Protein backbone atom coordinates (compact mmCIF):
# COMPACT_ATOMS: atom_id res chain seq x y z
CA MET A 1 36.63 13.02 6.59
CA ARG A 2 34.33 11.49 3.77
CA LEU A 3 31.32 12.88 2.14
CA LEU A 4 28.56 11.37 0.91
CA LEU A 5 25.84 13.01 -1.95
CA LYS A 6 22.37 12.83 -2.04
CA GLN A 7 21.32 12.00 -5.87
CA PRO A 8 18.84 14.27 -6.97
CA THR A 9 15.15 12.56 -6.78
CA PRO A 10 13.77 13.06 -9.67
CA ILE A 11 10.39 14.89 -9.68
CA LEU A 12 7.08 14.23 -12.47
CA VAL A 13 5.25 16.97 -12.78
CA PHE A 14 1.11 16.33 -14.40
CA ASN A 15 -0.68 19.05 -15.65
CA PRO A 16 -4.37 20.30 -14.74
CA LEU A 17 -5.38 17.30 -16.69
CA LYS A 18 -3.50 15.03 -15.15
CA ARG A 19 -2.01 13.67 -17.40
CA LEU A 20 2.19 13.28 -16.70
CA ILE A 21 4.07 16.60 -18.71
CA ALA A 22 7.81 16.45 -18.23
CA VAL A 23 10.00 14.92 -16.07
CA PHE A 24 12.69 17.02 -14.93
CA ASN A 25 15.82 15.97 -13.06
CA SER A 26 15.87 16.93 -8.85
CA LEU A 27 13.75 19.07 -7.28
CA ASN A 28 15.42 22.26 -7.56
CA GLY A 29 15.83 21.95 -11.31
CA THR A 30 11.86 21.93 -11.75
CA ALA A 31 11.56 25.04 -9.42
CA SER A 32 14.13 26.64 -11.73
CA ALA A 33 12.67 25.18 -14.89
CA LEU A 34 9.17 26.02 -13.78
CA GLY A 35 9.70 29.87 -11.80
CA ILE A 36 8.60 27.95 -9.05
CA THR A 37 10.59 27.58 -4.71
CA PRO A 38 11.87 24.24 -4.69
CA GLN A 39 10.21 24.90 -1.20
CA SER A 40 6.70 24.98 -2.68
CA VAL A 41 7.43 21.35 -5.13
CA HIS A 42 8.28 19.49 -2.16
CA TYR A 43 4.67 20.24 -0.18
CA VAL A 44 3.57 19.05 -3.01
CA CYS A 45 5.59 16.02 -3.82
CA SER A 46 5.39 15.58 -0.04
CA GLY A 47 1.69 15.60 0.10
CA LYS A 48 1.89 19.09 1.99
CA CYS A 49 -0.32 21.04 -0.39
CA ILE A 50 -2.20 19.26 -3.45
CA THR A 51 -0.93 21.44 -6.19
CA CYS A 52 1.40 24.20 -6.86
CA ASN A 53 0.86 26.65 -9.92
CA GLY A 54 -2.40 24.38 -10.91
CA LEU A 55 0.86 21.91 -11.02
CA TYR A 56 0.79 18.26 -9.47
CA PHE A 57 4.50 17.25 -9.03
CA ARG A 58 5.47 12.90 -8.21
CA GLN A 59 8.93 11.55 -6.84
CA LEU A 60 9.84 9.01 -9.30
CA LYS A 61 9.65 5.89 -7.22
CA ASP A 62 12.79 3.88 -7.38
CA GLY A 63 11.94 1.11 -9.32
CA VAL A 64 9.58 2.43 -11.39
CA THR A 65 10.51 3.15 -15.12
CA ILE A 66 8.60 6.17 -16.76
CA THR A 67 9.59 6.31 -21.09
CA PHE A 68 9.12 9.26 -23.90
CA GLU A 69 5.62 7.37 -24.51
CA ASP A 70 4.59 7.94 -20.96
CA LEU A 71 4.15 11.48 -21.16
CA GLY A 72 0.80 12.65 -22.10
CA LYS A 73 -0.18 9.43 -21.45
CA LEU A 74 0.10 8.22 -17.63
CA LYS A 75 -2.27 9.32 -15.16
CA LEU A 76 -1.70 11.27 -12.06
CA GLN A 77 -4.32 8.24 -10.52
CA ASP A 78 -2.59 5.64 -11.98
CA TYR A 79 0.94 6.77 -11.05
CA ASP A 80 -0.33 6.77 -7.59
CA LYS A 81 -1.56 4.04 -7.34
CA LEU A 82 0.90 1.96 -8.59
CA CYS A 83 3.55 4.12 -5.43
CA GLY A 84 0.76 2.91 -2.49
CA ILE A 85 -0.23 6.49 -2.58
CA GLU A 86 -3.79 8.04 -1.90
CA ARG A 87 -3.63 11.54 -2.10
CA LYS A 88 -6.08 14.16 -3.39
CA TYR A 89 -7.61 16.33 -6.06
CA TYR A 90 -9.21 18.79 -7.92
CA LYS A 91 -11.38 18.84 -10.17
CA THR A 92 -9.98 19.84 -14.17
CA GLY A 93 -12.24 23.35 -13.15
CA LYS A 94 -11.34 24.36 -10.04
CA ILE A 95 -7.84 24.76 -10.60
CA THR A 96 -6.59 27.97 -11.19
CA ARG A 97 -2.65 28.91 -12.00
CA LYS A 98 -1.77 30.67 -8.80
CA GLY A 99 -0.17 29.81 -5.99
CA MET A 100 -0.57 26.58 -4.35
CA LYS A 101 -4.06 24.23 -3.30
CA TYR A 102 -3.21 23.32 0.44
CA ASN A 103 -4.66 19.83 2.06
CA LYS A 104 -6.69 20.04 4.43
CA HIS A 105 -6.52 17.33 6.69
């Protein structure tokens, strides 16, 4: 029997100003580094929630390359547009650092 392991998907982290601030190797690595649950990161990546602790998370899409020059410059809206994703965003002043902001469909 051959066991195939799925390669981790890098996670992009955007701050409340919607700028790229970090890239982690995996969902679990992101959660561990930020002191949140992997499920919270997954909910934001999948669109079930808008933010967690004031941060936006996105999975790095295949074929998209992120460089050090993108840190602090790449805007969340531009990344979503590049990936063909439509999501809701909060105005900067509306985000709190506590808890998750759910996406009400």
